[in-house]
């Protein structure tokens, strides 16, 4: 069990990639409170979704540069963070993982180190010290390979507002242990054509 369909297994329309990523945010990240900082920016429509539809690693890096520039120029009250989704890229997690140093190098080259940081998600995410199906991996398992661009200033404010940020990982593991693999599957994140609740407004998205 991978927790999500294999990335790149079929052509995924951009709109579907965004909908399924939003579903993951609502049901897993926010619904299970895996990130206590996520809900506030999401309900205020400050999350920007961008889709890189190609399967070329360099194309994804080029899209990353564009999104870093756009986020840097944006008003944080309008766009606090960006999820760059690549549904056709990197079905293999370790290939995706090997790209991350190049992504961080681009961040430094753009002079944005310390301004932003890049987090990563993948349907087959695996921590170095974990078995492939360990529940700890599911904290970073998204429907598609995804680069998350975060503002350092927003992270600092969120950490200050949380009494014990060092306990987030431990709490997440307790949540996932209670949920189990069957409970994760029951979230319905594998649905190719999911419907979304209308409670939370839909943030903006772009195609690259």
N, C-alpha and C. Protein backbone atom coordinates (compact mmCIF):
# COMPACT_ATOMS: atom_id res chain seq x y z
N UNK A 1 0.85 -1.21 0.00
CA UNK A 1 0.00 0.00 0.00
C UNK A 1 0.87 1.24 0.00
N UNK A 2 0.58 2.20 -0.86
CA UNK A 2 1.41 3.40 -0.95
C UNK A 2 0.77 4.62 -0.32
N UNK A 3 -0.52 4.57 -0.08
CA UNK A 3 -1.20 5.73 0.49
C UNK A 3 -1.69 6.69 -0.56
N UNK A 4 -1.30 6.50 -1.83
CA UNK A 4 -1.75 7.35 -2.92
C UNK A 4 -1.39 6.66 -4.22
N UNK A 5 -2.06 6.98 -5.30
CA UNK A 5 -1.75 6.36 -6.57
C UNK A 5 -0.37 6.71 -7.06
N UNK A 6 0.19 5.87 -7.89
CA UNK A 6 1.53 6.12 -8.42
C UNK A 6 1.51 7.35 -9.29
N UNK A 7 2.44 8.28 -9.00
CA UNK A 7 2.53 9.50 -9.80
C UNK A 7 2.95 9.14 -11.21
N UNK A 8 2.35 9.81 -12.18
CA UNK A 8 2.73 9.60 -13.56
C UNK A 8 2.13 8.36 -14.18
N UNK A 9 1.27 7.61 -13.44
CA UNK A 9 0.70 6.37 -13.96
C UNK A 9 -0.25 6.64 -15.11
N UNK A 10 -0.85 7.82 -15.16
CA UNK A 10 -1.75 8.18 -16.25
C UNK A 10 -1.77 9.70 -16.36
N UNK A 11 -2.31 10.18 -17.48
CA UNK A 11 -2.40 11.62 -17.67
C UNK A 11 -3.42 12.18 -16.68
N UNK A 12 -2.99 13.13 -15.88
CA UNK A 12 -3.85 13.73 -14.87
C UNK A 12 -4.16 15.17 -15.29
N UNK A 13 -5.41 15.51 -15.54
CA UNK A 13 -5.74 16.91 -15.85
C UNK A 13 -5.30 17.84 -14.71
N UNK A 14 -4.89 19.03 -15.06
CA UNK A 14 -4.41 19.98 -14.05
C UNK A 14 -5.45 20.22 -12.97
N UNK A 15 -6.70 20.39 -13.38
CA UNK A 15 -7.75 20.67 -12.40
C UNK A 15 -7.92 19.51 -11.43
N UNK A 16 -7.78 18.29 -11.93
CA UNK A 16 -7.89 17.13 -11.05
C UNK A 16 -6.72 17.07 -10.08
N UNK A 17 -5.53 17.42 -10.55
CA UNK A 17 -4.36 17.43 -9.67
C UNK A 17 -4.56 18.42 -8.51
N UNK A 18 -5.13 19.57 -8.82
CA UNK A 18 -5.38 20.57 -7.77
C UNK A 18 -6.47 20.09 -6.82
N UNK A 19 -7.55 19.54 -7.36
CA UNK A 19 -8.66 19.07 -6.52
C UNK A 19 -8.19 17.98 -5.57
N UNK A 20 -7.41 17.04 -6.09
CA UNK A 20 -6.96 15.94 -5.24
C UNK A 20 -5.95 16.42 -4.19
N UNK A 21 -5.16 17.42 -4.54
CA UNK A 21 -4.23 17.98 -3.56
C UNK A 21 -5.00 18.74 -2.48
N UNK A 22 -6.03 19.47 -2.89
CA UNK A 22 -6.87 20.15 -1.90
C UNK A 22 -7.55 19.14 -0.98
N UNK A 23 -8.00 18.03 -1.55
CA UNK A 23 -8.64 17.00 -0.75
C UNK A 23 -7.68 16.45 0.30
N UNK A 24 -6.44 16.23 -0.11
CA UNK A 24 -5.39 15.77 0.82
C UNK A 24 -5.18 16.80 1.93
N UNK A 25 -5.13 18.08 1.56
CA UNK A 25 -4.97 19.12 2.58
C UNK A 25 -6.14 19.11 3.57
N UNK A 26 -7.35 19.01 3.03
CA UNK A 26 -8.53 19.10 3.89
C UNK A 26 -8.70 17.87 4.78
N UNK A 27 -8.50 16.69 4.20
CA UNK A 27 -8.79 15.47 4.95
C UNK A 27 -7.61 14.96 5.77
N UNK A 28 -6.39 15.17 5.28
CA UNK A 28 -5.22 14.64 5.97
C UNK A 28 -4.47 15.72 6.74
N UNK A 29 -3.92 16.70 6.03
CA UNK A 29 -3.07 17.70 6.68
C UNK A 29 -3.86 18.51 7.71
N UNK A 30 -5.04 19.02 7.30
CA UNK A 30 -5.88 19.80 8.21
C UNK A 30 -6.80 18.89 9.01
N UNK A 31 -7.42 17.94 8.35
CA UNK A 31 -8.38 17.07 9.02
C UNK A 31 -7.78 16.27 10.17
N UNK A 32 -6.54 15.79 9.97
CA UNK A 32 -5.85 15.04 11.04
C UNK A 32 -4.96 15.95 11.87
N UNK A 33 -4.93 17.23 11.52
CA UNK A 33 -4.11 18.22 12.22
C UNK A 33 -2.62 17.84 12.20
N UNK A 34 -2.17 17.34 11.06
CA UNK A 34 -0.76 16.97 10.93
C UNK A 34 0.13 18.21 10.91
N UNK A 35 -0.42 19.32 10.45
CA UNK A 35 0.29 20.60 10.52
C UNK A 35 -0.65 21.63 11.13
N UNK A 36 -0.44 22.00 12.38
CA UNK A 36 -1.37 22.93 13.04
C UNK A 36 -1.34 24.33 12.46
N UNK A 37 -0.40 24.62 11.54
CA UNK A 37 -0.29 25.93 10.95
C UNK A 37 -1.03 26.03 9.61
N UNK A 38 -1.47 24.90 9.07
CA UNK A 38 -1.98 24.87 7.70
C UNK A 38 -3.37 25.48 7.57
N UNK A 39 -4.23 25.26 8.53
CA UNK A 39 -5.63 25.65 8.37
C UNK A 39 -5.80 27.15 8.21
N UNK A 40 -5.06 27.93 8.97
CA UNK A 40 -5.28 29.38 8.95
C UNK A 40 -5.02 29.98 7.58
N UNK A 41 -3.95 29.56 6.89
CA UNK A 41 -3.67 30.12 5.57
C UNK A 41 -4.62 29.54 4.52
N UNK A 42 -5.07 28.31 4.74
CA UNK A 42 -5.94 27.69 3.75
C UNK A 42 -7.33 28.30 3.75
N UNK A 43 -7.89 28.51 4.93
CA UNK A 43 -9.24 29.06 4.98
C UNK A 43 -9.27 30.51 4.52
N UNK A 44 -8.14 31.18 4.54
CA UNK A 44 -8.07 32.56 4.05
C UNK A 44 -7.66 32.63 2.58
N UNK A 45 -7.63 31.47 1.92
CA UNK A 45 -7.27 31.40 0.49
C UNK A 45 -5.90 31.98 0.20
N UNK A 46 -4.96 31.75 1.11
CA UNK A 46 -3.60 32.24 0.91
C UNK A 46 -2.66 31.17 0.38
N UNK A 47 -3.22 30.01 0.03
CA UNK A 47 -2.43 28.93 -0.57
C UNK A 47 -2.59 29.00 -2.08
N UNK A 48 -1.47 29.08 -2.78
CA UNK A 48 -1.50 29.10 -4.25
C UNK A 48 -1.10 27.73 -4.77
N UNK A 49 -1.89 27.20 -5.72
CA UNK A 49 -1.61 25.91 -6.33
C UNK A 49 -1.11 26.15 -7.75
N UNK A 50 0.04 25.55 -8.09
CA UNK A 50 0.57 25.59 -9.45
C UNK A 50 0.82 24.17 -9.90
N UNK A 51 0.54 23.88 -11.15
CA UNK A 51 0.73 22.54 -11.70
C UNK A 51 1.76 22.58 -12.82
N UNK A 52 2.82 21.78 -12.68
CA UNK A 52 3.74 21.56 -13.79
C UNK A 52 3.30 20.26 -14.45
N UNK A 53 2.78 20.36 -15.68
CA UNK A 53 2.16 19.21 -16.34
C UNK A 53 3.16 18.31 -17.06
N UNK A 54 4.40 18.76 -17.22
CA UNK A 54 5.38 17.96 -17.96
C UNK A 54 6.01 16.87 -17.13
N UNK A 55 6.92 16.13 -17.77
CA UNK A 55 7.61 15.04 -17.06
C UNK A 55 9.13 15.22 -17.08
N UNK A 56 9.57 16.44 -17.41
CA UNK A 56 11.00 16.73 -17.51
C UNK A 56 11.51 17.35 -16.21
N UNK A 57 12.50 16.75 -15.56
CA UNK A 57 13.01 17.31 -14.29
C UNK A 57 13.47 18.76 -14.41
N UNK A 58 14.15 19.09 -15.52
CA UNK A 58 14.59 20.47 -15.68
C UNK A 58 13.40 21.40 -15.83
N UNK A 59 12.36 20.93 -16.49
CA UNK A 59 11.14 21.73 -16.61
C UNK A 59 10.53 22.02 -15.25
N UNK A 60 10.57 21.05 -14.36
CA UNK A 60 10.06 21.27 -13.01
C UNK A 60 10.91 22.31 -12.27
N UNK A 61 12.21 22.24 -12.45
CA UNK A 61 13.09 23.23 -11.80
C UNK A 61 12.84 24.63 -12.38
N UNK A 62 12.62 24.71 -13.68
CA UNK A 62 12.31 26.01 -14.28
C UNK A 62 10.99 26.56 -13.71
N UNK A 63 10.02 25.66 -13.53
CA UNK A 63 8.74 26.09 -12.94
C UNK A 63 8.94 26.54 -11.50
N UNK A 64 9.84 25.87 -10.79
CA UNK A 64 10.15 26.25 -9.41
C UNK A 64 10.70 27.68 -9.35
N UNK A 65 11.60 28.01 -10.27
CA UNK A 65 12.17 29.37 -10.31
C UNK A 65 11.07 30.40 -10.53
N UNK A 66 10.16 30.12 -11.45
CA UNK A 66 9.06 31.03 -11.73
C UNK A 66 8.17 31.22 -10.50
N UNK A 67 7.88 30.12 -9.81
CA UNK A 67 6.99 30.20 -8.65
C UNK A 67 7.67 30.88 -7.47
N UNK A 68 8.96 30.68 -7.30
CA UNK A 68 9.69 31.40 -6.25
C UNK A 68 9.64 32.90 -6.51
N UNK A 69 9.85 33.31 -7.77
CA UNK A 69 9.78 34.72 -8.10
C UNK A 69 8.40 35.30 -7.88
N UNK A 70 7.38 34.55 -8.28
CA UNK A 70 6.00 35.03 -8.11
C UNK A 70 5.64 35.15 -6.64
N UNK A 71 6.07 34.20 -5.84
CA UNK A 71 5.77 34.24 -4.41
C UNK A 71 6.51 35.40 -3.74
N UNK A 72 7.73 35.65 -4.18
CA UNK A 72 8.52 36.74 -3.61
C UNK A 72 7.88 38.09 -3.89
N UNK A 73 7.24 38.21 -5.04
CA UNK A 73 6.61 39.48 -5.43
C UNK A 73 5.20 39.64 -4.87
N UNK A 74 4.61 38.55 -4.42
CA UNK A 74 3.22 38.58 -3.98
C UNK A 74 3.07 39.17 -2.58
N UNK A 75 1.93 39.78 -2.35
CA UNK A 75 1.56 40.23 -1.01
C UNK A 75 1.27 39.00 -0.16
N UNK A 76 1.96 38.82 0.97
CA UNK A 76 1.73 37.65 1.81
C UNK A 76 0.28 37.50 2.26
N UNK A 77 -0.45 38.60 2.34
CA UNK A 77 -1.85 38.52 2.72
C UNK A 77 -2.70 37.91 1.61
N UNK A 78 -2.18 37.94 0.40
CA UNK A 78 -2.88 37.34 -0.73
C UNK A 78 -2.34 35.96 -1.06
N UNK A 79 -1.03 35.78 -0.95
CA UNK A 79 -0.39 34.50 -1.27
C UNK A 79 0.73 34.25 -0.27
N UNK A 80 0.43 33.42 0.71
CA UNK A 80 1.41 33.15 1.76
C UNK A 80 2.33 32.00 1.39
N UNK A 81 1.82 31.04 0.65
CA UNK A 81 2.59 29.82 0.37
C UNK A 81 2.15 29.24 -0.96
N UNK A 82 3.01 28.43 -1.56
CA UNK A 82 2.73 27.83 -2.87
C UNK A 82 2.98 26.33 -2.84
N UNK A 83 2.07 25.58 -3.44
CA UNK A 83 2.27 24.15 -3.68
C UNK A 83 2.46 23.95 -5.18
N UNK A 84 3.64 23.50 -5.57
CA UNK A 84 3.95 23.23 -6.97
C UNK A 84 3.80 21.72 -7.18
N UNK A 85 2.76 21.34 -7.90
CA UNK A 85 2.37 19.93 -8.06
C UNK A 85 2.88 19.43 -9.41
N UNK A 86 3.48 18.23 -9.42
CA UNK A 86 4.04 17.67 -10.65
C UNK A 86 3.52 16.25 -10.85
N UNK A 87 2.28 16.10 -11.32
CA UNK A 87 1.66 14.77 -11.38
C UNK A 87 2.32 13.80 -12.35
N UNK A 88 3.05 14.30 -13.37
CA UNK A 88 3.65 13.42 -14.36
C UNK A 88 5.15 13.21 -14.14
N UNK A 89 5.69 13.82 -13.11
CA UNK A 89 7.13 13.75 -12.84
C UNK A 89 7.43 12.79 -11.69
N UNK A 90 8.56 12.10 -11.80
CA UNK A 90 9.13 11.36 -10.70
C UNK A 90 8.19 10.35 -10.04
N UNK A 91 7.78 9.29 -10.75
CA UNK A 91 7.05 8.23 -10.08
C UNK A 91 7.89 7.53 -9.02
N UNK A 92 9.22 7.58 -9.18
CA UNK A 92 10.12 6.99 -8.18
C UNK A 92 10.50 8.04 -7.14
N UNK A 93 10.26 7.73 -5.87
CA UNK A 93 10.53 8.70 -4.83
C UNK A 93 12.00 9.08 -4.74
N UNK A 94 12.89 8.10 -4.86
CA UNK A 94 14.31 8.40 -4.65
C UNK A 94 14.86 9.29 -5.76
N UNK A 95 14.33 9.16 -6.97
CA UNK A 95 14.70 10.10 -8.03
C UNK A 95 14.24 11.51 -7.68
N UNK A 96 13.02 11.61 -7.17
CA UNK A 96 12.49 12.90 -6.73
C UNK A 96 13.34 13.48 -5.60
N UNK A 97 13.69 12.64 -4.66
CA UNK A 97 14.50 13.07 -3.52
C UNK A 97 15.85 13.60 -3.97
N UNK A 98 16.41 12.99 -5.01
CA UNK A 98 17.72 13.42 -5.53
C UNK A 98 17.66 14.80 -6.18
N UNK A 99 16.46 15.23 -6.56
CA UNK A 99 16.29 16.56 -7.17
C UNK A 99 16.36 17.68 -6.14
N UNK A 100 16.07 17.37 -4.90
CA UNK A 100 15.90 18.42 -3.89
C UNK A 100 17.16 19.27 -3.66
N UNK A 101 18.37 18.70 -3.64
CA UNK A 101 19.55 19.57 -3.51
C UNK A 101 19.65 20.58 -4.65
N UNK A 102 19.24 20.18 -5.86
CA UNK A 102 19.25 21.14 -6.98
C UNK A 102 18.22 22.23 -6.76
N UNK A 103 17.08 21.88 -6.17
CA UNK A 103 16.06 22.89 -5.86
C UNK A 103 16.58 23.89 -4.84
N UNK A 104 17.25 23.39 -3.81
CA UNK A 104 17.81 24.29 -2.79
C UNK A 104 18.92 25.16 -3.37
N UNK A 105 19.68 24.61 -4.32
CA UNK A 105 20.73 25.41 -4.97
C UNK A 105 20.11 26.57 -5.75
N UNK A 106 18.98 26.31 -6.43
CA UNK A 106 18.29 27.37 -7.14
C UNK A 106 17.78 28.45 -6.18
N UNK A 107 17.33 28.01 -5.02
CA UNK A 107 16.87 28.95 -4.00
C UNK A 107 18.00 29.89 -3.59
N UNK A 108 19.19 29.32 -3.37
CA UNK A 108 20.35 30.14 -3.00
C UNK A 108 20.77 31.05 -4.15
N UNK A 109 20.76 30.50 -5.36
CA UNK A 109 21.18 31.29 -6.53
C UNK A 109 20.27 32.48 -6.75
N UNK A 110 19.00 32.32 -6.40
CA UNK A 110 18.04 33.42 -6.55
C UNK A 110 18.14 34.43 -5.41
N UNK A 111 19.01 34.17 -4.45
CA UNK A 111 19.17 35.07 -3.31
C UNK A 111 18.01 35.01 -2.34
N UNK A 112 17.30 33.88 -2.32
CA UNK A 112 16.10 33.76 -1.50
C UNK A 112 16.28 32.78 -0.33
N UNK A 113 17.49 32.33 -0.11
CA UNK A 113 17.74 31.50 1.07
C UNK A 113 17.53 32.35 2.32
N UNK A 114 16.78 31.83 3.27
CA UNK A 114 16.42 32.59 4.46
C UNK A 114 15.12 33.35 4.29
N UNK A 115 14.67 33.48 3.05
CA UNK A 115 13.37 34.10 2.76
C UNK A 115 12.32 33.02 2.62
N UNK A 116 12.68 31.97 1.87
CA UNK A 116 11.79 30.83 1.67
C UNK A 116 12.53 29.54 2.01
N UNK A 117 11.78 28.50 2.24
CA UNK A 117 12.34 27.16 2.29
C UNK A 117 11.44 26.24 1.49
N UNK A 118 12.01 25.13 1.04
CA UNK A 118 11.28 24.20 0.19
C UNK A 118 11.09 22.89 0.93
N UNK A 119 9.84 22.50 1.11
CA UNK A 119 9.52 21.19 1.67
C UNK A 119 9.04 20.29 0.54
N UNK A 120 9.08 18.99 0.75
CA UNK A 120 8.72 18.07 -0.32
C UNK A 120 7.73 17.02 0.15
N UNK A 121 6.86 16.60 -0.78
CA UNK A 121 5.87 15.55 -0.54
C UNK A 121 5.85 14.64 -1.77
N UNK A 122 5.50 13.38 -1.54
CA UNK A 122 5.48 12.41 -2.63
C UNK A 122 4.57 11.26 -2.22
N UNK A 123 3.87 10.64 -3.19
CA UNK A 123 2.98 9.53 -2.83
C UNK A 123 3.70 8.33 -2.23
N UNK A 124 5.03 8.25 -2.44
CA UNK A 124 5.80 7.14 -1.87
C UNK A 124 6.94 7.67 -0.98
N UNK A 125 6.67 8.76 -0.34
CA UNK A 125 7.69 9.37 0.53
C UNK A 125 8.20 8.35 1.53
N UNK A 126 9.51 8.37 1.75
CA UNK A 126 10.12 7.44 2.71
C UNK A 126 11.28 8.12 3.42
N UNK A 127 11.18 8.21 4.74
CA UNK A 127 12.30 8.72 5.52
C UNK A 127 13.45 7.72 5.46
N UNK A 128 14.66 8.23 5.53
CA UNK A 128 15.84 7.39 5.35
C UNK A 128 15.90 6.23 6.35
N UNK A 129 15.44 6.47 7.57
CA UNK A 129 15.54 5.45 8.62
C UNK A 129 14.26 4.66 8.80
N UNK A 130 13.33 4.75 7.85
CA UNK A 130 12.03 4.10 8.00
C UNK A 130 11.83 3.03 6.94
N UNK A 131 11.06 2.00 7.29
CA UNK A 131 10.64 1.02 6.30
C UNK A 131 9.69 1.69 5.31
N UNK A 132 9.55 1.10 4.15
CA UNK A 132 8.75 1.72 3.09
C UNK A 132 7.31 1.98 3.51
N UNK A 133 6.72 1.08 4.31
CA UNK A 133 5.32 1.24 4.70
C UNK A 133 5.15 1.67 6.15
N UNK A 134 6.21 2.22 6.75
CA UNK A 134 6.09 2.74 8.10
C UNK A 134 5.11 3.91 8.12
N UNK A 135 4.31 3.99 9.15
CA UNK A 135 3.30 5.04 9.22
C UNK A 135 3.91 6.43 9.28
N UNK A 136 5.15 6.53 9.75
CA UNK A 136 5.80 7.85 9.82
C UNK A 136 5.92 8.49 8.44
N UNK A 137 6.03 7.68 7.40
CA UNK A 137 6.16 8.22 6.04
C UNK A 137 4.92 8.98 5.59
N UNK A 138 3.78 8.64 6.17
CA UNK A 138 2.52 9.20 5.68
C UNK A 138 2.35 10.67 6.03
N UNK A 139 3.16 11.20 6.93
CA UNK A 139 3.11 12.63 7.20
C UNK A 139 3.52 13.44 5.97
N UNK A 140 4.28 12.82 5.07
CA UNK A 140 4.78 13.51 3.88
C UNK A 140 4.29 12.86 2.59
N UNK A 141 3.22 12.09 2.66
CA UNK A 141 2.68 11.45 1.46
C UNK A 141 1.49 12.24 0.93
N UNK A 142 1.69 12.77 -0.27
CA UNK A 142 0.66 13.54 -0.97
C UNK A 142 0.26 12.77 -2.22
N UNK A 143 -0.84 13.14 -2.86
CA UNK A 143 -1.26 12.42 -4.07
C UNK A 143 -0.25 12.44 -5.20
N UNK A 144 0.55 13.52 -5.28
CA UNK A 144 1.51 13.67 -6.37
C UNK A 144 2.82 14.27 -5.83
N UNK A 145 3.92 14.10 -6.56
CA UNK A 145 5.14 14.81 -6.17
C UNK A 145 4.86 16.31 -6.09
N UNK A 146 5.26 16.90 -4.98
CA UNK A 146 4.91 18.30 -4.71
C UNK A 146 6.05 19.01 -4.00
N UNK A 147 6.35 20.21 -4.46
CA UNK A 147 7.29 21.09 -3.78
C UNK A 147 6.50 22.19 -3.09
N UNK A 148 6.71 22.34 -1.81
CA UNK A 148 5.98 23.31 -1.01
C UNK A 148 6.91 24.47 -0.70
N UNK A 149 6.56 25.65 -1.17
CA UNK A 149 7.36 26.85 -0.95
C UNK A 149 6.78 27.62 0.22
N UNK A 150 7.57 27.76 1.27
CA UNK A 150 7.10 28.39 2.50
C UNK A 150 7.91 29.63 2.81
N UNK A 151 7.23 30.64 3.34
CA UNK A 151 7.91 31.85 3.80
C UNK A 151 8.52 31.59 5.18
N UNK A 152 9.79 31.90 5.32
CA UNK A 152 10.46 31.72 6.62
C UNK A 152 9.78 32.57 7.70
N UNK A 153 9.34 33.77 7.33
CA UNK A 153 8.71 34.65 8.32
C UNK A 153 7.41 34.06 8.84
N UNK A 154 6.67 33.40 7.95
CA UNK A 154 5.41 32.78 8.37
C UNK A 154 5.66 31.58 9.26
N UNK A 155 6.72 30.83 8.95
CA UNK A 155 7.08 29.69 9.80
C UNK A 155 7.44 30.18 11.20
N UNK A 156 8.22 31.24 11.27
CA UNK A 156 8.64 31.78 12.57
C UNK A 156 7.43 32.21 13.40
N UNK A 157 6.49 32.90 12.76
CA UNK A 157 5.29 33.36 13.48
C UNK A 157 4.45 32.18 13.94
N UNK A 158 4.33 31.17 13.09
CA UNK A 158 3.52 30.00 13.44
C UNK A 158 4.14 29.24 14.61
N UNK A 159 5.46 29.10 14.60
CA UNK A 159 6.14 28.39 15.68
C UNK A 159 5.98 29.14 16.99
N UNK A 160 6.07 30.46 16.94
CA UNK A 160 5.92 31.26 18.16
C UNK A 160 4.51 31.13 18.75
N UNK A 161 3.53 30.91 17.88
CA UNK A 161 2.14 30.82 18.34
C UNK A 161 1.80 29.44 18.87
N UNK A 162 2.68 28.47 18.64
CA UNK A 162 2.43 27.10 19.08
C UNK A 162 3.26 26.81 20.32
N UNK A 163 2.60 26.37 21.37
CA UNK A 163 3.26 26.24 22.67
C UNK A 163 4.46 25.29 22.63
N UNK A 164 4.32 24.14 22.00
CA UNK A 164 5.40 23.15 22.00
C UNK A 164 5.57 22.56 20.61
N UNK A 165 6.18 23.32 19.68
CA UNK A 165 6.32 22.83 18.31
C UNK A 165 7.14 21.54 18.21
N UNK A 166 8.02 21.32 19.17
CA UNK A 166 8.84 20.11 19.13
C UNK A 166 8.02 18.84 19.35
N UNK A 167 6.78 19.01 19.81
CA UNK A 167 5.93 17.84 20.06
C UNK A 167 5.03 17.49 18.87
N UNK A 168 5.09 18.29 17.80
CA UNK A 168 4.21 18.06 16.65
C UNK A 168 4.46 16.68 16.06
N UNK A 169 5.73 16.32 15.85
CA UNK A 169 6.03 15.02 15.24
C UNK A 169 5.51 13.88 16.10
N UNK A 170 5.74 13.95 17.40
CA UNK A 170 5.28 12.90 18.30
C UNK A 170 3.75 12.78 18.25
N UNK A 171 3.07 13.92 18.25
CA UNK A 171 1.61 13.91 18.18
C UNK A 171 1.13 13.32 16.85
N UNK A 172 1.81 13.66 15.76
CA UNK A 172 1.44 13.11 14.46
C UNK A 172 1.57 11.60 14.43
N UNK A 173 2.63 11.10 15.04
CA UNK A 173 2.83 9.66 15.05
C UNK A 173 1.73 8.97 15.86
N UNK A 174 1.32 9.57 16.95
CA UNK A 174 0.22 9.01 17.74
C UNK A 174 -1.07 8.99 16.91
N UNK A 175 -1.29 10.07 16.17
CA UNK A 175 -2.48 10.15 15.32
C UNK A 175 -2.47 9.07 14.25
N UNK A 176 -1.33 8.90 13.60
CA UNK A 176 -1.23 7.92 12.52
C UNK A 176 -1.29 6.49 13.05
N UNK A 177 -0.73 6.26 14.21
CA UNK A 177 -0.80 4.92 14.81
C UNK A 177 -2.25 4.55 15.12
N UNK A 178 -3.02 5.52 15.61
CA UNK A 178 -4.43 5.26 15.88
C UNK A 178 -5.19 5.02 14.57
N UNK A 179 -4.83 5.79 13.55
CA UNK A 179 -5.52 5.69 12.28
C UNK A 179 -5.21 4.38 11.57
N UNK A 180 -3.93 4.04 11.49
CA UNK A 180 -3.50 2.83 10.81
C UNK A 180 -3.62 2.94 9.30
N UNK A 181 -3.11 1.91 8.60
CA UNK A 181 -3.16 1.92 7.15
C UNK A 181 -4.59 1.91 6.63
N UNK A 182 -5.45 1.15 7.29
CA UNK A 182 -6.84 1.08 6.85
C UNK A 182 -7.54 2.42 7.01
N UNK A 183 -7.25 3.10 8.10
CA UNK A 183 -7.85 4.41 8.33
C UNK A 183 -7.38 5.43 7.32
N UNK A 184 -6.09 5.36 6.94
CA UNK A 184 -5.58 6.27 5.91
C UNK A 184 -6.29 6.01 4.58
N UNK A 185 -6.44 4.74 4.24
CA UNK A 185 -7.13 4.40 2.99
C UNK A 185 -8.57 4.91 3.00
N UNK A 186 -9.19 4.90 4.19
CA UNK A 186 -10.59 5.33 4.30
C UNK A 186 -10.76 6.84 4.09
N UNK A 187 -9.67 7.59 4.09
CA UNK A 187 -9.76 9.03 3.82
C UNK A 187 -10.18 9.30 2.38
N UNK A 188 -10.05 8.31 1.51
CA UNK A 188 -10.50 8.45 0.13
C UNK A 188 -9.59 9.28 -0.74
N UNK A 189 -8.30 9.31 -0.43
CA UNK A 189 -7.37 10.15 -1.19
C UNK A 189 -6.97 9.51 -2.52
N UNK A 190 -7.33 8.25 -2.73
CA UNK A 190 -7.00 7.58 -3.98
C UNK A 190 -8.07 7.81 -5.06
N UNK A 191 -9.15 8.47 -4.70
CA UNK A 191 -10.25 8.68 -5.64
C UNK A 191 -9.79 9.58 -6.78
N UNK A 192 -9.89 9.08 -8.01
CA UNK A 192 -9.41 9.86 -9.16
C UNK A 192 -10.30 11.05 -9.48
N UNK A 193 -11.56 11.01 -9.05
CA UNK A 193 -12.49 12.11 -9.33
C UNK A 193 -13.22 12.49 -8.05
N UNK A 194 -12.49 13.01 -7.06
CA UNK A 194 -13.11 13.29 -5.78
C UNK A 194 -13.99 14.53 -5.82
N UNK A 195 -14.96 14.55 -4.93
CA UNK A 195 -15.75 15.76 -4.73
C UNK A 195 -15.28 16.42 -3.46
N UNK A 196 -15.32 17.74 -3.43
CA UNK A 196 -14.82 18.48 -2.27
C UNK A 196 -15.97 19.14 -1.54
N UNK A 197 -15.88 19.20 -0.21
CA UNK A 197 -16.88 19.97 0.53
C UNK A 197 -16.78 21.44 0.17
N UNK A 198 -17.90 22.14 0.22
CA UNK A 198 -17.93 23.54 -0.19
C UNK A 198 -17.66 24.49 0.96
N UNK A 199 -17.21 23.96 2.09
CA UNK A 199 -17.03 24.78 3.29
C UNK A 199 -15.83 25.70 3.15
N UNK A 200 -14.74 25.17 2.60
CA UNK A 200 -13.50 25.93 2.51
C UNK A 200 -13.36 26.51 1.12
N UNK A 201 -13.10 27.81 1.00
CA UNK A 201 -12.99 28.44 -0.32
C UNK A 201 -11.81 27.91 -1.11
N UNK A 202 -11.91 27.88 -2.42
CA UNK A 202 -10.86 27.36 -3.26
C UNK A 202 -9.82 28.40 -3.59
N UNK A 203 -8.55 28.17 -3.18
CA UNK A 203 -7.47 29.09 -3.52
C UNK A 203 -7.16 29.07 -5.02
N UNK A 204 -6.34 29.98 -5.44
CA UNK A 204 -6.03 30.14 -6.85
C UNK A 204 -5.08 29.06 -7.34
N UNK A 205 -5.02 28.89 -8.65
CA UNK A 205 -4.12 27.90 -9.24
C UNK A 205 -3.65 28.40 -10.59
N UNK A 206 -2.48 27.89 -11.04
CA UNK A 206 -1.95 28.22 -12.35
C UNK A 206 -1.40 26.96 -12.99
N UNK A 207 -1.28 27.01 -14.31
CA UNK A 207 -0.69 25.90 -15.07
C UNK A 207 0.67 26.34 -15.57
N UNK A 208 1.65 25.43 -15.50
CA UNK A 208 3.00 25.74 -15.97
C UNK A 208 3.39 24.75 -17.06
